N, C-alpha and C. Protein backbone atom coordinates (compact mmCIF):
# COMPACT_ATOMS: atom_id res chain seq x y z
N MET A 1 248.06 213.75 193.65
CA MET A 1 246.88 213.05 194.03
C MET A 1 247.18 211.81 194.82
N PRO A 2 248.29 211.60 195.44
CA PRO A 2 248.50 210.42 196.24
C PRO A 2 247.51 210.39 197.47
N GLY A 3 247.18 211.58 198.01
CA GLY A 3 246.30 211.65 199.23
C GLY A 3 244.92 211.05 198.78
N LYS A 4 244.46 211.39 197.57
CA LYS A 4 243.19 210.93 197.07
C LYS A 4 243.12 209.38 196.93
N LYS A 5 244.26 208.85 196.38
CA LYS A 5 244.29 207.36 196.15
C LYS A 5 244.31 206.70 197.50
N ALA A 6 245.04 207.21 198.49
CA ALA A 6 245.04 206.57 199.84
C ALA A 6 243.75 206.64 200.51
N ALA A 7 243.01 207.76 200.32
CA ALA A 7 241.64 207.87 200.91
C ALA A 7 240.69 206.89 200.25
N LEU A 8 240.82 206.77 198.94
CA LEU A 8 239.93 205.83 198.24
C LEU A 8 240.20 204.39 198.69
N ARG A 9 241.50 204.05 198.80
CA ARG A 9 241.88 202.74 199.21
C ARG A 9 241.26 202.42 200.65
N ALA A 10 241.47 203.44 201.56
CA ALA A 10 241.00 203.28 202.84
C ALA A 10 239.41 203.06 202.90
N THR A 11 238.75 203.79 202.01
CA THR A 11 237.25 203.63 201.93
C THR A 11 236.96 202.18 201.50
N VAL A 12 237.63 201.73 200.45
CA VAL A 12 237.35 200.41 199.95
C VAL A 12 237.72 199.39 201.06
N GLU A 13 238.81 199.53 201.73
CA GLU A 13 239.09 198.52 202.79
C GLU A 13 238.13 198.57 203.89
N THR A 14 237.55 199.73 204.24
CA THR A 14 236.53 199.89 205.21
C THR A 14 235.25 199.09 204.73
N ARG A 15 234.85 199.28 203.50
CA ARG A 15 233.72 198.57 202.91
C ARG A 15 233.97 197.03 202.96
N VAL A 16 235.15 196.64 202.56
CA VAL A 16 235.47 195.20 202.57
C VAL A 16 235.36 194.65 203.97
N ALA A 17 235.89 195.26 204.99
CA ALA A 17 235.85 194.84 206.37
C ALA A 17 234.33 194.78 206.85
N PHE A 18 233.56 195.91 206.58
CA PHE A 18 232.26 195.95 206.95
C PHE A 18 231.42 194.81 206.36
N THR A 19 231.51 194.59 205.08
CA THR A 19 230.80 193.57 204.36
C THR A 19 231.15 192.24 204.88
N SER A 20 232.42 191.95 205.21
CA SER A 20 232.88 190.70 205.76
C SER A 20 232.19 190.49 207.12
N ARG A 21 232.20 191.52 207.97
CA ARG A 21 231.61 191.41 209.32
C ARG A 21 230.07 191.08 209.23
N MET A 22 229.51 191.70 208.21
CA MET A 22 227.96 191.47 208.04
C MET A 22 227.67 190.02 207.65
N VAL A 23 228.51 189.51 206.76
CA VAL A 23 228.28 188.14 206.29
C VAL A 23 228.55 187.16 207.44
N LEU A 24 229.59 187.44 208.19
CA LEU A 24 229.90 186.52 209.38
C LEU A 24 228.81 186.75 210.47
N ALA A 25 228.29 187.91 210.66
CA ALA A 25 227.17 188.08 211.65
C ALA A 25 225.92 187.44 211.22
N ALA A 26 225.61 187.52 209.91
CA ALA A 26 224.45 186.85 209.43
C ALA A 26 224.56 185.29 209.57
N ALA A 27 225.70 184.84 209.23
CA ALA A 27 225.89 183.36 209.45
C ALA A 27 225.86 182.93 210.88
N ARG A 28 226.41 183.68 211.76
CA ARG A 28 226.40 183.35 213.16
C ARG A 28 224.99 183.39 213.82
N ASN A 29 224.15 184.26 213.29
CA ASN A 29 222.81 184.49 213.86
C ASN A 29 221.74 183.75 213.10
N SER A 30 222.11 183.01 212.03
CA SER A 30 221.12 182.30 211.31
C SER A 30 220.74 180.97 212.00
N PRO A 31 219.45 180.62 211.96
CA PRO A 31 219.09 179.35 212.59
C PRO A 31 219.58 178.15 211.79
N ILE A 32 219.99 178.34 210.55
CA ILE A 32 220.52 177.31 209.71
C ILE A 32 222.03 177.44 209.60
N PRO A 33 222.71 176.45 209.98
CA PRO A 33 224.18 176.55 209.82
C PRO A 33 224.73 176.77 208.38
N SER A 34 225.75 177.53 208.23
CA SER A 34 226.28 177.81 206.95
C SER A 34 227.66 177.23 206.74
N THR A 35 228.03 176.92 205.50
CA THR A 35 229.34 176.41 205.17
C THR A 35 230.26 177.50 204.75
N CYS A 36 231.53 177.24 204.70
CA CYS A 36 232.47 178.20 204.17
C CYS A 36 232.16 178.52 202.77
N LEU A 37 231.74 177.57 201.99
CA LEU A 37 231.39 177.84 200.58
C LEU A 37 230.23 178.88 200.48
N GLU A 38 229.21 178.73 201.26
CA GLU A 38 228.09 179.67 201.23
C GLU A 38 228.47 181.04 201.67
N ARG A 39 229.24 181.08 202.79
CA ARG A 39 229.72 182.45 203.28
C ARG A 39 230.62 183.11 202.29
N SER A 40 231.55 182.37 201.70
CA SER A 40 232.49 182.94 200.79
C SER A 40 231.79 183.41 199.45
N LEU A 41 230.82 182.61 198.99
CA LEU A 41 230.13 183.05 197.78
C LEU A 41 229.31 184.33 198.07
N ALA A 42 228.68 184.38 199.27
CA ALA A 42 227.89 185.63 199.57
C ALA A 42 228.81 186.83 199.72
N LEU A 43 229.96 186.68 200.38
CA LEU A 43 230.94 187.80 200.50
C LEU A 43 231.49 188.25 199.15
N TRP A 44 231.85 187.23 198.38
CA TRP A 44 232.41 187.48 196.98
C TRP A 44 231.34 188.27 196.14
N TRP A 45 230.16 187.80 196.16
CA TRP A 45 229.03 188.39 195.40
C TRP A 45 228.70 189.86 195.94
N LEU A 46 228.62 190.02 197.20
CA LEU A 46 228.33 191.34 197.80
C LEU A 46 229.45 192.34 197.44
N LEU A 47 230.68 191.91 197.50
CA LEU A 47 231.81 192.84 197.18
C LEU A 47 231.76 193.19 195.69
N ALA A 48 231.49 192.17 194.86
CA ALA A 48 231.45 192.48 193.45
C ALA A 48 230.31 193.42 193.15
N CYS A 49 229.22 193.30 193.80
CA CYS A 49 228.11 194.29 193.65
C CYS A 49 228.46 195.69 193.93
N GLN A 50 229.45 195.85 194.85
CA GLN A 50 230.03 197.17 195.19
C GLN A 50 231.16 197.63 194.31
N GLY A 51 231.50 196.79 193.37
CA GLY A 51 232.61 197.12 192.44
C GLY A 51 233.96 196.86 192.94
N ILE A 52 234.07 196.01 193.99
CA ILE A 52 235.32 195.70 194.71
C ILE A 52 235.85 194.37 194.11
N ALA A 53 237.00 194.41 193.54
CA ALA A 53 237.60 193.20 192.90
C ALA A 53 238.17 192.31 194.02
N THR A 54 237.72 191.00 193.99
CA THR A 54 238.24 189.96 194.86
C THR A 54 238.36 188.72 194.14
N GLN A 55 238.93 187.71 194.73
CA GLN A 55 239.13 186.43 194.10
C GLN A 55 238.41 185.43 195.08
N PHE A 56 237.58 184.54 194.43
CA PHE A 56 236.95 183.44 195.19
C PHE A 56 237.88 182.23 195.09
N ARG A 57 238.27 181.65 196.16
CA ARG A 57 239.26 180.60 196.17
C ARG A 57 238.71 179.34 196.79
N ILE A 58 239.16 178.19 196.22
CA ILE A 58 238.73 176.90 196.77
C ILE A 58 240.12 176.15 196.98
N GLY A 59 240.26 175.54 198.11
CA GLY A 59 241.48 174.71 198.32
C GLY A 59 241.13 173.42 198.90
N VAL A 60 242.05 172.44 198.76
CA VAL A 60 241.86 171.13 199.23
C VAL A 60 243.03 170.66 200.00
N ARG A 61 242.79 169.63 200.83
CA ARG A 61 243.82 168.91 201.53
C ARG A 61 243.52 167.50 201.86
N LYS A 62 244.54 166.67 202.06
CA LYS A 62 244.26 165.24 202.40
C LYS A 62 244.96 165.10 203.74
N ASP A 63 244.06 164.69 204.72
CA ASP A 63 244.58 164.40 206.11
C ASP A 63 244.45 162.93 206.34
N GLY A 64 245.52 162.23 206.06
CA GLY A 64 245.50 160.66 206.23
C GLY A 64 244.54 160.23 205.10
N GLU A 65 243.50 159.53 205.45
CA GLU A 65 242.55 159.07 204.45
C GLU A 65 241.40 159.98 204.27
N LYS A 66 241.39 161.10 204.92
CA LYS A 66 240.27 162.12 204.83
C LYS A 66 240.59 163.21 203.87
N PHE A 67 239.63 163.52 203.05
CA PHE A 67 239.68 164.65 202.08
C PHE A 67 238.90 165.82 202.57
N ALA A 68 239.43 166.99 202.53
CA ALA A 68 238.75 168.15 202.96
C ALA A 68 238.92 169.31 201.99
N ALA A 69 237.90 170.16 201.96
CA ALA A 69 237.93 171.30 201.08
C ALA A 69 237.54 172.54 201.91
N HIS A 70 237.99 173.68 201.47
CA HIS A 70 237.68 174.92 202.09
C HIS A 70 237.52 176.09 200.97
N ALA A 71 236.64 177.00 201.23
CA ALA A 71 236.44 178.16 200.32
C ALA A 71 236.69 179.45 201.10
N TRP A 72 237.29 180.39 200.46
CA TRP A 72 237.49 181.72 201.01
C TRP A 72 237.60 182.78 199.97
N VAL A 73 237.63 184.05 200.30
CA VAL A 73 237.72 185.22 199.42
C VAL A 73 239.03 185.90 199.71
N GLU A 74 239.75 186.34 198.69
CA GLU A 74 240.97 187.03 198.81
C GLU A 74 240.91 188.41 198.15
N ARG A 75 241.62 189.35 198.64
CA ARG A 75 241.77 190.63 198.00
C ARG A 75 243.25 191.00 198.11
N ASP A 76 243.85 191.29 196.95
CA ASP A 76 245.28 191.56 196.94
C ASP A 76 246.11 190.50 197.66
N GLY A 77 245.72 189.25 197.46
CA GLY A 77 246.47 188.16 198.05
C GLY A 77 246.28 187.82 199.50
N ALA A 78 245.36 188.61 200.11
CA ALA A 78 245.12 188.41 201.60
C ALA A 78 243.68 187.83 201.75
N ALA A 79 243.49 186.89 202.60
CA ALA A 79 242.16 186.30 202.83
C ALA A 79 241.36 187.34 203.61
N ILE A 80 240.06 187.39 203.26
CA ILE A 80 239.15 188.30 203.91
C ILE A 80 238.27 187.43 204.90
N GLY A 81 238.16 187.92 206.18
CA GLY A 81 237.30 187.20 207.20
C GLY A 81 237.76 185.85 207.52
N GLU A 82 239.01 185.59 207.57
CA GLU A 82 239.58 184.33 207.92
C GLU A 82 240.42 184.51 209.15
N PRO A 83 239.81 184.74 210.40
CA PRO A 83 240.68 185.09 211.60
C PRO A 83 241.56 184.03 211.97
N GLU A 84 241.34 182.78 211.76
CA GLU A 84 242.19 181.69 212.27
C GLU A 84 243.14 181.31 211.16
N ALA A 85 243.09 181.95 210.04
CA ALA A 85 243.98 181.63 208.91
C ALA A 85 243.86 180.14 208.50
N SER A 86 242.67 179.55 208.63
CA SER A 86 242.48 178.21 208.29
C SER A 86 242.76 177.86 206.83
N HIS A 87 242.61 178.84 205.95
CA HIS A 87 242.84 178.69 204.50
C HIS A 87 244.33 178.30 204.25
N LEU A 88 245.28 178.62 205.15
CA LEU A 88 246.64 178.32 204.97
C LEU A 88 246.94 176.79 204.95
N HIS A 89 246.02 176.01 205.49
CA HIS A 89 246.23 174.58 205.47
C HIS A 89 245.71 173.88 204.22
N TYR A 90 245.31 174.63 203.26
CA TYR A 90 244.73 174.03 202.04
C TYR A 90 245.57 174.49 200.84
N ALA A 91 245.65 173.59 199.80
CA ALA A 91 246.33 173.95 198.61
C ALA A 91 245.22 174.48 197.70
N ALA A 92 245.30 175.79 197.33
CA ALA A 92 244.32 176.41 196.56
C ALA A 92 244.45 175.97 195.06
N PHE A 93 243.32 175.92 194.40
CA PHE A 93 243.33 175.72 192.92
C PHE A 93 243.95 176.94 192.37
N VAL A 94 244.68 176.75 191.25
CA VAL A 94 245.41 177.83 190.60
C VAL A 94 244.43 178.78 189.87
N GLU A 95 243.43 178.30 189.30
CA GLU A 95 242.41 179.16 188.60
C GLU A 95 241.72 180.01 189.64
N GLU A 96 241.73 181.30 189.38
CA GLU A 96 241.01 182.16 190.26
C GLU A 96 239.71 182.63 189.54
N ILE A 97 238.70 182.88 190.42
CA ILE A 97 237.47 183.37 189.89
C ILE A 97 237.29 184.84 190.40
N SER A 98 237.35 185.78 189.54
CA SER A 98 237.42 187.14 189.93
C SER A 98 235.93 187.65 190.11
N GLY A 99 235.77 188.61 191.07
CA GLY A 99 234.48 189.13 191.33
C GLY A 99 234.05 190.30 190.47
N VAL A 100 234.98 190.95 189.71
CA VAL A 100 234.70 192.08 188.86
C VAL A 100 235.29 191.82 187.53
N SER A 101 234.59 191.97 186.50
CA SER A 101 235.09 191.73 185.08
C SER A 101 235.97 192.87 184.73
N SER A 102 237.04 192.61 183.93
CA SER A 102 237.98 193.72 183.54
C SER A 102 237.62 194.28 182.15
């Protein structure tokens, strides 16, 4: 059954990519600007509704006197919908918030 598992994984990855693109498209075309927190929560929730396990992450950094925070969603340790890898500049909180209960 390795072929079935690979096909299922490909289907899930396709749904993850599609959902991420739709959240980013909605944010881009909205008359109201969205934050990374709002986009990440929307993506996390939509994937959880599809039964796809992800982790909602929040990270922080200090740049001189300035404090900054960023939110993103991960699946299997990889950020979803983060083309510039901006999340790599933030120290993520250790506690993960999972999108699907076990």
